[in-house]
Amino acid sequence: MSSLVPTGSQLYVGGAFTAIGGQWRNHLALLRPSTNQVSSWAPEPDGNVNALALNGSTLYAGGAFTSLGGLPQAHFGCLIPTNLVDVPLPAAVVEFALRLSPNPASGRVRIEYQLPEAARVSINVYDVQGRRVGPAFEARQAAGAHTATWDGSATRAISAGIYFVRFQGGSHTLVRRLVLL
């Protein structure tokens, strides 16, 4: 530990550590010594914190970091408690997305997809001649992230080659290439 700054019943700690009190904290932590607890506060600087100073409720940090609190802060930065800043957090934006893994595959393929809104979902796999291979997956699903599995090795007449996974959710459609080994 390079720097300690008390504040009421809490203690800011800066240094070259990646864990403190059994909790993962990168170079900067807030402790409650009276209860031996580590606060959930974790600004995660990407380098050592060598100096700390407190002015009111604003904490200033200096050290060998280039990022602090998820923002670019080269060697010096300030952290203002979020309860003092009246800015609403943006709602998470969910995009229509499709991801296949592994790709190339030799067996089961994990199909991960996201829906921005509830929709009827259809997932089909086609060969290069446009023929559907294997059973289709169809269901009504809520907005958010979902996962399905397709096992090409369980379907007869599937050989190594290039296939296309067509994902349709509501009025959106995506197609991804899949290589089977």
N, C-alpha and C. Protein backbone atom coordinates (compact mmCIF):
# COMPACT_ATOMS: atom_id res chain seq x y z
N MET A 1 0.83 -1.17 0.00
CA MET A 1 0.00 0.00 0.00
C MET A 1 0.88 1.24 0.00
N SER A 2 0.55 2.17 -0.87
CA SER A 2 1.33 3.39 -0.98
C SER A 2 0.68 4.57 -0.30
N SER A 3 -0.66 4.55 -0.21
CA SER A 3 -1.34 5.71 0.33
C SER A 3 -2.62 5.30 1.05
N LEU A 4 -2.86 5.95 2.21
CA LEU A 4 -4.06 5.73 3.00
C LEU A 4 -4.70 7.08 3.29
N VAL A 5 -6.02 7.19 3.10
CA VAL A 5 -6.74 8.42 3.41
C VAL A 5 -8.01 8.06 4.16
N PRO A 6 -8.08 8.44 5.45
CA PRO A 6 -9.30 8.16 6.22
C PRO A 6 -10.41 9.15 5.86
N THR A 7 -11.65 8.67 5.91
CA THR A 7 -12.82 9.52 5.72
C THR A 7 -13.94 8.97 6.59
N GLY A 8 -14.17 9.62 7.71
CA GLY A 8 -15.20 9.14 8.64
C GLY A 8 -14.84 7.74 9.12
N SER A 9 -15.74 6.81 8.92
CA SER A 9 -15.52 5.43 9.37
C SER A 9 -14.93 4.56 8.26
N GLN A 10 -14.49 5.18 7.17
CA GLN A 10 -13.94 4.43 6.04
C GLN A 10 -12.51 4.86 5.76
N LEU A 11 -11.84 4.06 4.94
CA LEU A 11 -10.44 4.30 4.63
C LEU A 11 -10.19 4.01 3.15
N TYR A 12 -9.73 5.02 2.40
CA TYR A 12 -9.32 4.81 1.02
C TYR A 12 -7.89 4.27 1.04
N VAL A 13 -7.61 3.26 0.21
CA VAL A 13 -6.30 2.63 0.16
C VAL A 13 -5.85 2.58 -1.30
N GLY A 14 -4.64 3.05 -1.58
CA GLY A 14 -4.07 2.99 -2.92
C GLY A 14 -2.75 2.27 -2.89
N GLY A 15 -2.39 1.61 -3.98
CA GLY A 15 -1.12 0.91 -4.01
C GLY A 15 -0.95 0.04 -5.23
N ALA A 16 -0.13 -1.02 -5.07
CA ALA A 16 0.22 -1.91 -6.18
C ALA A 16 -0.45 -3.27 -6.01
N PHE A 17 -1.61 -3.33 -5.39
CA PHE A 17 -2.28 -4.59 -5.12
C PHE A 17 -3.37 -4.89 -6.15
N THR A 18 -3.77 -6.15 -6.22
CA THR A 18 -4.89 -6.56 -7.08
C THR A 18 -5.99 -7.20 -6.25
N ALA A 19 -5.74 -7.40 -4.96
CA ALA A 19 -6.75 -7.93 -4.05
C ALA A 19 -6.48 -7.36 -2.67
N ILE A 20 -7.56 -7.18 -1.92
CA ILE A 20 -7.42 -6.69 -0.55
C ILE A 20 -8.58 -7.24 0.26
N GLY A 21 -8.26 -7.74 1.46
CA GLY A 21 -9.29 -8.31 2.32
C GLY A 21 -10.03 -9.47 1.67
N GLY A 22 -9.33 -10.21 0.80
CA GLY A 22 -9.96 -11.34 0.12
C GLY A 22 -10.85 -10.95 -1.04
N GLN A 23 -10.91 -9.66 -1.37
CA GLN A 23 -11.73 -9.16 -2.47
C GLN A 23 -10.83 -8.67 -3.60
N TRP A 24 -11.23 -8.91 -4.83
CA TRP A 24 -10.49 -8.42 -5.97
C TRP A 24 -10.71 -6.92 -6.10
N ARG A 25 -9.65 -6.15 -5.96
CA ARG A 25 -9.67 -4.70 -6.15
C ARG A 25 -8.35 -4.33 -6.79
N ASN A 26 -8.40 -3.59 -7.85
CA ASN A 26 -7.21 -3.25 -8.62
C ASN A 26 -6.66 -1.89 -8.18
N HIS A 27 -5.64 -1.87 -7.36
CA HIS A 27 -4.84 -0.70 -7.00
C HIS A 27 -5.55 0.36 -6.16
N LEU A 28 -6.86 0.27 -5.96
CA LEU A 28 -7.59 1.28 -5.21
C LEU A 28 -8.82 0.64 -4.58
N ALA A 29 -9.00 0.89 -3.27
CA ALA A 29 -10.13 0.27 -2.58
C ALA A 29 -10.63 1.18 -1.47
N LEU A 30 -11.84 0.92 -1.03
CA LEU A 30 -12.45 1.62 0.09
C LEU A 30 -12.78 0.58 1.15
N LEU A 31 -12.20 0.75 2.34
CA LEU A 31 -12.38 -0.22 3.42
C LEU A 31 -13.23 0.37 4.53
N ARG A 32 -13.87 -0.54 5.27
CA ARG A 32 -14.58 -0.17 6.50
C ARG A 32 -13.88 -0.91 7.64
N PRO A 33 -12.85 -0.30 8.22
CA PRO A 33 -12.03 -1.00 9.22
C PRO A 33 -12.81 -1.52 10.42
N SER A 34 -13.86 -0.82 10.84
CA SER A 34 -14.60 -1.25 12.03
C SER A 34 -15.30 -2.59 11.82
N THR A 35 -15.61 -2.94 10.57
CA THR A 35 -16.30 -4.20 10.28
C THR A 35 -15.44 -5.16 9.46
N ASN A 36 -14.20 -4.77 9.17
CA ASN A 36 -13.30 -5.56 8.32
C ASN A 36 -13.92 -5.88 6.96
N GLN A 37 -14.65 -4.93 6.40
CA GLN A 37 -15.29 -5.13 5.10
C GLN A 37 -14.64 -4.27 4.03
N VAL A 38 -14.67 -4.80 2.81
CA VAL A 38 -14.21 -4.06 1.64
C VAL A 38 -15.46 -3.59 0.92
N SER A 39 -15.54 -2.29 0.62
CA SER A 39 -16.70 -1.74 -0.08
C SER A 39 -16.79 -2.30 -1.50
N SER A 40 -17.98 -2.28 -2.07
CA SER A 40 -18.17 -2.73 -3.45
C SER A 40 -17.63 -1.71 -4.45
N TRP A 41 -17.29 -0.52 -3.99
CA TRP A 41 -16.73 0.54 -4.85
C TRP A 41 -15.43 0.04 -5.47
N ALA A 42 -15.34 0.11 -6.81
CA ALA A 42 -14.16 -0.41 -7.50
C ALA A 42 -13.90 0.39 -8.77
N PRO A 43 -13.16 1.51 -8.67
CA PRO A 43 -12.89 2.33 -9.86
C PRO A 43 -11.86 1.72 -10.81
N GLU A 44 -11.16 0.68 -10.39
CA GLU A 44 -10.26 -0.11 -11.22
C GLU A 44 -9.25 0.67 -12.06
N PRO A 45 -8.35 1.42 -11.45
CA PRO A 45 -7.28 2.02 -12.25
C PRO A 45 -6.43 0.91 -12.86
N ASP A 46 -5.86 1.18 -14.04
CA ASP A 46 -5.10 0.14 -14.73
C ASP A 46 -3.62 0.14 -14.39
N GLY A 47 -3.25 0.85 -13.34
CA GLY A 47 -1.87 0.88 -12.88
C GLY A 47 -1.83 1.27 -11.41
N ASN A 48 -0.64 1.26 -10.84
CA ASN A 48 -0.48 1.55 -9.41
C ASN A 48 -0.98 2.94 -9.05
N VAL A 49 -1.54 3.05 -7.83
CA VAL A 49 -1.94 4.33 -7.26
C VAL A 49 -0.92 4.65 -6.17
N ASN A 50 -0.20 5.77 -6.35
CA ASN A 50 0.88 6.12 -5.43
C ASN A 50 0.50 7.20 -4.43
N ALA A 51 -0.52 8.00 -4.76
CA ALA A 51 -0.90 9.09 -3.86
C ALA A 51 -2.41 9.29 -3.89
N LEU A 52 -2.97 9.62 -2.72
CA LEU A 52 -4.40 9.91 -2.60
C LEU A 52 -4.57 11.18 -1.77
N ALA A 53 -5.57 11.97 -2.12
CA ALA A 53 -5.92 13.15 -1.33
C ALA A 53 -7.43 13.31 -1.38
N LEU A 54 -8.00 13.77 -0.29
CA LEU A 54 -9.44 13.95 -0.20
C LEU A 54 -9.74 15.42 0.04
N ASN A 55 -10.64 15.98 -0.77
CA ASN A 55 -11.08 17.36 -0.60
C ASN A 55 -12.60 17.31 -0.55
N GLY A 56 -13.16 17.44 0.64
CA GLY A 56 -14.60 17.27 0.80
C GLY A 56 -14.93 15.82 0.54
N SER A 57 -15.78 15.58 -0.45
CA SER A 57 -16.14 14.20 -0.79
C SER A 57 -15.48 13.76 -2.09
N THR A 58 -14.60 14.59 -2.65
CA THR A 58 -13.91 14.25 -3.90
C THR A 58 -12.54 13.66 -3.59
N LEU A 59 -12.27 12.48 -4.16
CA LEU A 59 -11.00 11.81 -3.96
C LEU A 59 -10.12 12.05 -5.18
N TYR A 60 -8.89 12.47 -4.95
CA TYR A 60 -7.91 12.66 -6.01
C TYR A 60 -6.89 11.55 -5.91
N ALA A 61 -6.50 11.00 -7.06
CA ALA A 61 -5.53 9.91 -7.09
C ALA A 61 -4.43 10.22 -8.10
N GLY A 62 -3.21 9.84 -7.75
CA GLY A 62 -2.09 9.99 -8.66
C GLY A 62 -1.31 8.69 -8.72
N GLY A 63 -0.75 8.39 -9.89
CA GLY A 63 0.02 7.16 -9.99
C GLY A 63 0.36 6.79 -11.42
N ALA A 64 0.65 5.53 -11.63
CA ALA A 64 1.10 5.03 -12.93
C ALA A 64 -0.05 4.42 -13.73
N PHE A 65 -1.21 5.05 -13.70
CA PHE A 65 -2.38 4.55 -14.42
C PHE A 65 -2.71 5.44 -15.61
N THR A 66 -3.43 4.89 -16.57
CA THR A 66 -3.91 5.67 -17.72
C THR A 66 -5.43 5.65 -17.80
N SER A 67 -6.06 4.87 -16.92
CA SER A 67 -7.51 4.76 -16.89
C SER A 67 -7.94 4.69 -15.44
N LEU A 68 -9.01 5.41 -15.10
CA LEU A 68 -9.52 5.44 -13.73
C LEU A 68 -11.03 5.59 -13.79
N GLY A 69 -11.74 4.70 -13.15
CA GLY A 69 -13.21 4.77 -13.18
C GLY A 69 -13.77 4.53 -14.57
N GLY A 70 -13.03 3.78 -15.40
CA GLY A 70 -13.48 3.49 -16.75
C GLY A 70 -13.27 4.62 -17.74
N LEU A 71 -12.57 5.68 -17.33
CA LEU A 71 -12.32 6.83 -18.19
C LEU A 71 -10.82 7.03 -18.36
N PRO A 72 -10.41 7.59 -19.50
CA PRO A 72 -8.98 7.88 -19.67
C PRO A 72 -8.54 8.96 -18.68
N GLN A 73 -7.60 8.64 -17.83
CA GLN A 73 -7.06 9.57 -16.83
C GLN A 73 -5.58 9.25 -16.71
N ALA A 74 -4.75 10.03 -17.34
CA ALA A 74 -3.31 9.74 -17.35
C ALA A 74 -2.64 10.26 -16.09
N HIS A 75 -2.30 9.38 -15.18
CA HIS A 75 -1.48 9.62 -13.99
C HIS A 75 -2.15 10.46 -12.90
N PHE A 76 -3.28 11.10 -13.20
CA PHE A 76 -3.97 11.90 -12.18
C PHE A 76 -5.45 11.92 -12.51
N GLY A 77 -6.28 11.77 -11.49
CA GLY A 77 -7.71 11.83 -11.73
C GLY A 77 -8.47 12.08 -10.46
N CYS A 78 -9.72 12.48 -10.61
CA CYS A 78 -10.56 12.67 -9.44
C CYS A 78 -11.79 11.80 -9.55
N LEU A 79 -12.26 11.37 -8.40
CA LEU A 79 -13.44 10.51 -8.32
C LEU A 79 -14.47 11.22 -7.46
N ILE A 80 -15.61 11.52 -8.06
CA ILE A 80 -16.69 12.18 -7.35
C ILE A 80 -17.72 11.11 -7.00
N PRO A 81 -18.17 11.04 -5.76
CA PRO A 81 -19.16 10.01 -5.40
C PRO A 81 -20.40 10.12 -6.29
N THR A 82 -20.88 8.97 -6.78
CA THR A 82 -22.02 8.97 -7.70
C THR A 82 -23.29 9.50 -7.06
N ASN A 83 -23.40 9.43 -5.72
CA ASN A 83 -24.61 9.93 -5.10
C ASN A 83 -24.68 11.46 -5.13
N LEU A 84 -23.57 12.14 -5.53
CA LEU A 84 -23.59 13.59 -5.64
C LEU A 84 -23.87 14.06 -7.06
N VAL A 85 -23.88 13.16 -8.01
CA VAL A 85 -24.09 13.51 -9.40
C VAL A 85 -25.48 13.03 -9.81
N ASP A 86 -26.33 13.96 -10.23
CA ASP A 86 -27.70 13.62 -10.57
C ASP A 86 -27.84 13.42 -12.07
N VAL A 87 -27.25 12.33 -12.57
CA VAL A 87 -27.34 12.01 -13.99
C VAL A 87 -27.93 10.61 -14.09
N PRO A 88 -29.08 10.47 -14.74
CA PRO A 88 -29.67 9.13 -14.83
C PRO A 88 -28.81 8.22 -15.71
N LEU A 89 -28.71 6.98 -15.31
CA LEU A 89 -27.96 6.01 -16.10
C LEU A 89 -28.79 5.64 -17.32
N PRO A 90 -28.15 5.53 -18.49
CA PRO A 90 -28.91 5.15 -19.68
C PRO A 90 -29.38 3.71 -19.59
N ALA A 91 -30.53 3.45 -20.18
CA ALA A 91 -31.03 2.08 -20.23
C ALA A 91 -30.13 1.26 -21.15
N ALA A 92 -29.94 0.03 -20.81
CA ALA A 92 -29.11 -0.83 -21.64
C ALA A 92 -29.76 -0.99 -23.02
N VAL A 93 -28.97 -0.78 -24.04
CA VAL A 93 -29.46 -0.92 -25.40
C VAL A 93 -29.16 -2.33 -25.87
N VAL A 94 -30.21 -3.04 -26.22
CA VAL A 94 -30.04 -4.40 -26.72
C VAL A 94 -30.26 -4.35 -28.22
N GLU A 95 -29.29 -4.80 -28.95
CA GLU A 95 -29.38 -4.82 -30.41
C GLU A 95 -29.74 -6.22 -30.88
N PHE A 96 -30.26 -6.29 -32.07
CA PHE A 96 -30.54 -7.56 -32.72
C PHE A 96 -29.19 -8.12 -33.14
N ALA A 97 -28.79 -9.26 -32.59
CA ALA A 97 -27.45 -9.78 -32.85
C ALA A 97 -27.45 -11.30 -32.88
N LEU A 98 -26.44 -11.86 -33.55
CA LEU A 98 -26.29 -13.30 -33.68
C LEU A 98 -24.80 -13.64 -33.64
N ARG A 99 -24.45 -14.67 -32.84
CA ARG A 99 -23.05 -15.11 -32.74
C ARG A 99 -23.03 -16.63 -32.70
N LEU A 100 -22.12 -17.23 -33.44
CA LEU A 100 -21.95 -18.68 -33.48
C LEU A 100 -20.59 -19.04 -32.88
N SER A 101 -20.59 -20.05 -32.00
CA SER A 101 -19.30 -20.49 -31.47
C SER A 101 -19.37 -21.96 -31.10
N PRO A 102 -18.34 -22.72 -31.32
CA PRO A 102 -17.16 -22.31 -32.08
C PRO A 102 -17.48 -22.26 -33.57
N ASN A 103 -16.69 -21.57 -34.28
CA ASN A 103 -16.85 -21.49 -35.73
C ASN A 103 -15.46 -21.27 -36.33
N PRO A 104 -14.87 -22.28 -36.96
CA PRO A 104 -15.40 -23.55 -37.41
C PRO A 104 -15.70 -24.49 -36.25
N ALA A 105 -16.61 -25.46 -36.51
CA ALA A 105 -17.05 -26.40 -35.49
C ALA A 105 -16.96 -27.81 -36.04
N SER A 106 -16.89 -28.78 -35.11
CA SER A 106 -16.89 -30.18 -35.53
C SER A 106 -18.01 -30.95 -34.84
N GLY A 107 -18.86 -30.27 -34.14
CA GLY A 107 -19.97 -30.91 -33.43
C GLY A 107 -21.00 -29.86 -33.07
N ARG A 108 -21.24 -29.73 -31.79
CA ARG A 108 -22.23 -28.78 -31.31
C ARG A 108 -21.80 -27.33 -31.57
N VAL A 109 -22.78 -26.53 -31.94
CA VAL A 109 -22.55 -25.10 -32.16
C VAL A 109 -23.46 -24.34 -31.22
N ARG A 110 -22.88 -23.43 -30.48
CA ARG A 110 -23.65 -22.57 -29.58
C ARG A 110 -24.11 -21.36 -30.38
N ILE A 111 -25.41 -21.13 -30.39
CA ILE A 111 -26.00 -20.00 -31.12
C ILE A 111 -26.47 -18.99 -30.08
N GLU A 112 -25.76 -17.88 -30.00
CA GLU A 112 -26.11 -16.83 -29.04
C GLU A 112 -26.76 -15.70 -29.81
N TYR A 113 -27.89 -15.21 -29.32
CA TYR A 113 -28.58 -14.13 -30.02
C TYR A 113 -29.24 -13.19 -29.03
N GLN A 114 -29.48 -11.98 -29.52
CA GLN A 114 -30.12 -10.95 -28.71
C GLN A 114 -31.32 -10.39 -29.45
N LEU A 115 -32.35 -10.09 -28.68
CA LEU A 115 -33.56 -9.48 -29.23
C LEU A 115 -33.79 -8.14 -28.55
N PRO A 116 -34.02 -7.07 -29.31
CA PRO A 116 -34.30 -5.77 -28.70
C PRO A 116 -35.71 -5.70 -28.12
N GLU A 117 -36.58 -6.63 -28.54
CA GLU A 117 -37.96 -6.68 -28.05
C GLU A 117 -38.45 -8.12 -28.16
N ALA A 118 -39.51 -8.43 -27.44
CA ALA A 118 -40.08 -9.77 -27.51
C ALA A 118 -40.48 -10.07 -28.96
N ALA A 119 -40.23 -11.31 -29.40
CA ALA A 119 -40.54 -11.66 -30.79
C ALA A 119 -40.61 -13.16 -30.95
N ARG A 120 -41.22 -13.58 -32.03
CA ARG A 120 -41.20 -14.98 -32.44
C ARG A 120 -39.86 -15.21 -33.13
N VAL A 121 -39.12 -16.22 -32.69
CA VAL A 121 -37.77 -16.49 -33.17
C VAL A 121 -37.78 -17.77 -34.00
N SER A 122 -37.03 -17.73 -35.10
CA SER A 122 -36.85 -18.90 -35.94
C SER A 122 -35.37 -18.99 -36.31
N ILE A 123 -34.78 -20.18 -36.08
CA ILE A 123 -33.38 -20.41 -36.43
C ILE A 123 -33.33 -21.65 -37.31
N ASN A 124 -32.77 -21.48 -38.50
CA ASN A 124 -32.63 -22.57 -39.46
C ASN A 124 -31.20 -22.63 -39.97
N VAL A 125 -30.77 -23.84 -40.34
CA VAL A 125 -29.45 -24.03 -40.91
C VAL A 125 -29.63 -24.54 -42.33
N TYR A 126 -28.92 -23.91 -43.28
CA TYR A 126 -29.03 -24.25 -44.71
C TYR A 126 -27.66 -24.63 -45.27
N ASP A 127 -27.67 -25.54 -46.26
CA ASP A 127 -26.43 -25.85 -46.96
C ASP A 127 -26.22 -24.82 -48.07
N VAL A 128 -25.13 -24.94 -48.81
CA VAL A 128 -24.80 -23.95 -49.85
C VAL A 128 -25.77 -23.98 -51.02
N GLN A 129 -26.58 -25.03 -51.12
CA GLN A 129 -27.59 -25.10 -52.19
C GLN A 129 -28.94 -24.57 -51.73
N GLY A 130 -28.99 -24.06 -50.49
CA GLY A 130 -30.23 -23.46 -49.99
C GLY A 130 -31.19 -24.44 -49.37
N ARG A 131 -30.78 -25.69 -49.15
CA ARG A 131 -31.64 -26.69 -48.53
C ARG A 131 -31.51 -26.62 -47.02
N ARG A 132 -32.65 -26.63 -46.33
CA ARG A 132 -32.61 -26.63 -44.87
C ARG A 132 -32.11 -27.99 -44.41
N VAL A 133 -31.17 -27.98 -43.47
CA VAL A 133 -30.64 -29.22 -42.90
C VAL A 133 -30.99 -29.26 -41.42
N GLY A 134 -31.49 -30.37 -40.98
CA GLY A 134 -31.83 -30.51 -39.57
C GLY A 134 -33.11 -29.80 -39.20
N PRO A 135 -33.56 -30.01 -37.98
CA PRO A 135 -34.80 -29.39 -37.52
C PRO A 135 -34.62 -27.89 -37.25
N ALA A 136 -35.71 -27.16 -37.42
CA ALA A 136 -35.70 -25.72 -37.14
C ALA A 136 -35.96 -25.49 -35.66
N PHE A 137 -35.50 -24.37 -35.16
CA PHE A 137 -35.81 -23.96 -33.79
C PHE A 137 -36.78 -22.79 -33.90
N GLU A 138 -37.93 -22.90 -33.26
CA GLU A 138 -38.91 -21.82 -33.28
C GLU A 138 -39.50 -21.67 -31.89
N ALA A 139 -39.61 -20.41 -31.45
CA ALA A 139 -40.19 -20.13 -30.14
C ALA A 139 -40.49 -18.64 -30.03
N ARG A 140 -41.38 -18.30 -29.13
CA ARG A 140 -41.64 -16.89 -28.80
C ARG A 140 -40.73 -16.58 -27.61
N GLN A 141 -39.95 -15.49 -27.72
CA GLN A 141 -39.00 -15.19 -26.66
C GLN A 141 -39.04 -13.72 -26.27
N ALA A 142 -38.69 -13.46 -25.02
CA ALA A 142 -38.64 -12.10 -24.48
C ALA A 142 -37.42 -11.36 -24.99
N ALA A 143 -37.42 -10.06 -24.85
CA ALA A 143 -36.25 -9.25 -25.21
C ALA A 143 -35.07 -9.68 -24.35
N GLY A 144 -33.86 -9.56 -24.91
CA GLY A 144 -32.65 -9.87 -24.17
C GLY A 144 -31.81 -10.92 -24.85
N ALA A 145 -30.86 -11.46 -24.09
CA ALA A 145 -29.90 -12.44 -24.62
C ALA A 145 -30.42 -13.85 -24.43
N HIS A 146 -30.20 -14.69 -25.44
CA HIS A 146 -30.66 -16.08 -25.41
C HIS A 146 -29.60 -16.98 -26.04
N THR A 147 -29.72 -18.29 -25.79
CA THR A 147 -28.78 -19.26 -26.33
C THR A 147 -29.53 -20.50 -26.81
N ALA A 148 -29.10 -21.01 -27.93
CA ALA A 148 -29.61 -22.28 -28.45
C ALA A 148 -28.40 -23.11 -28.87
N THR A 149 -28.59 -24.40 -29.04
CA THR A 149 -27.52 -25.29 -29.48
C THR A 149 -27.97 -26.05 -30.71
N TRP A 150 -27.08 -26.17 -31.67
CA TRP A 150 -27.35 -26.98 -32.87
C TRP A 150 -26.21 -27.96 -33.00
N ASP A 151 -26.56 -29.23 -33.18
CA ASP A 151 -25.56 -30.28 -33.28
C ASP A 151 -25.59 -30.87 -34.68
N GLY A 152 -24.69 -30.39 -35.52
CA GLY A 152 -24.61 -30.86 -36.90
C GLY A 152 -24.27 -32.33 -37.01
N SER A 153 -23.50 -32.85 -36.04
CA SER A 153 -23.10 -34.25 -36.11
C SER A 153 -24.27 -35.18 -35.79
N ALA A 154 -25.34 -34.66 -35.17
CA ALA A 154 -26.50 -35.48 -34.83
C ALA A 154 -27.49 -35.59 -35.99
N THR A 155 -27.28 -34.77 -37.01
CA THR A 155 -28.18 -34.77 -38.16
C THR A 155 -27.55 -35.60 -39.27
N ARG A 156 -28.29 -36.57 -39.79
CA ARG A 156 -27.72 -37.42 -40.85
C ARG A 156 -27.52 -36.59 -42.12
N ALA A 157 -26.64 -37.01 -42.93
CA ALA A 157 -26.33 -36.38 -44.22
C ALA A 157 -25.67 -35.02 -44.07
N ILE A 158 -25.14 -34.71 -42.90
CA ILE A 158 -24.39 -33.47 -42.72
C ILE A 158 -22.92 -33.82 -42.82
N SER A 159 -22.23 -33.17 -43.71
CA SER A 159 -20.81 -33.44 -43.87
C SER A 159 -20.05 -32.13 -43.68
N ALA A 160 -18.74 -32.24 -43.66
CA ALA A 160 -17.91 -31.04 -43.53
C ALA A 160 -18.22 -30.11 -44.69
N GLY A 161 -18.23 -28.83 -44.40
CA GLY A 161 -18.50 -27.85 -45.44
C GLY A 161 -19.00 -26.55 -44.88
N ILE A 162 -19.53 -25.72 -45.77
CA ILE A 162 -20.03 -24.40 -45.39
C ILE A 162 -21.55 -24.46 -45.31
N TYR A 163 -22.08 -23.88 -44.23
CA TYR A 163 -23.52 -23.83 -44.00
C TYR A 163 -23.86 -22.39 -43.62
N PHE A 164 -25.15 -22.09 -43.64
CA PHE A 164 -25.61 -20.75 -43.28
C PHE A 164 -26.68 -20.86 -42.21
N VAL A 165 -26.51 -20.11 -41.13
CA VAL A 165 -27.49 -20.07 -40.05
C VAL A 165 -28.33 -18.81 -40.26
N ARG A 166 -29.63 -19.01 -40.43
CA ARG A 166 -30.56 -17.89 -40.64
C ARG A 166 -31.35 -17.70 -39.36
N PHE A 167 -31.25 -16.52 -38.80
CA PHE A 167 -31.91 -16.17 -37.55
C PHE A 167 -32.94 -15.09 -37.84
N GLN A 168 -34.18 -15.37 -37.51
CA GLN A 168 -35.24 -14.39 -37.73
C GLN A 168 -35.93 -14.16 -36.40
N GLY A 169 -36.09 -12.88 -36.06
CA GLY A 169 -36.79 -12.49 -34.84
C GLY A 169 -37.68 -11.31 -35.17
N GLY A 170 -38.98 -11.54 -35.19
CA GLY A 170 -39.90 -10.47 -35.59
C GLY A 170 -39.63 -10.09 -37.03
N SER A 171 -39.40 -8.80 -37.27
CA SER A 171 -39.17 -8.32 -38.64
C SER A 171 -37.67 -8.27 -38.99
N HIS A 172 -36.81 -8.73 -38.09
CA HIS A 172 -35.36 -8.70 -38.32
C HIS A 172 -34.85 -10.07 -38.77
N THR A 173 -33.85 -10.07 -39.64
CA THR A 173 -33.22 -11.31 -40.08
C THR A 173 -31.72 -11.12 -40.18
N LEU A 174 -30.98 -12.12 -39.69
CA LEU A 174 -29.52 -12.14 -39.84
C LEU A 174 -29.11 -13.51 -40.34
N VAL A 175 -28.07 -13.55 -41.15
CA VAL A 175 -27.51 -14.81 -41.65
C VAL A 175 -26.01 -14.80 -41.35
N ARG A 176 -25.53 -15.91 -40.79
CA ARG A 176 -24.10 -16.06 -40.51
C ARG A 176 -23.60 -17.35 -41.16
N ARG A 177 -22.39 -17.30 -41.66
CA ARG A 177 -21.75 -18.47 -42.24
C ARG A 177 -21.21 -19.36 -41.13
N LEU A 178 -21.37 -20.66 -41.30
CA LEU A 178 -20.89 -21.64 -40.34
C LEU A 178 -20.05 -22.67 -41.09
N VAL A 179 -18.86 -22.95 -40.61
CA VAL A 179 -17.99 -23.95 -41.23
C VAL A 179 -17.96 -25.17 -40.34
N LEU A 180 -18.35 -26.31 -40.91
CA LEU A 180 -18.28 -27.58 -40.19
C LEU A 180 -17.07 -28.36 -40.66
N LEU A 181 -16.31 -28.87 -39.72
CA LEU A 181 -15.09 -29.64 -40.04
C LEU A 181 -15.38 -31.13 -40.05
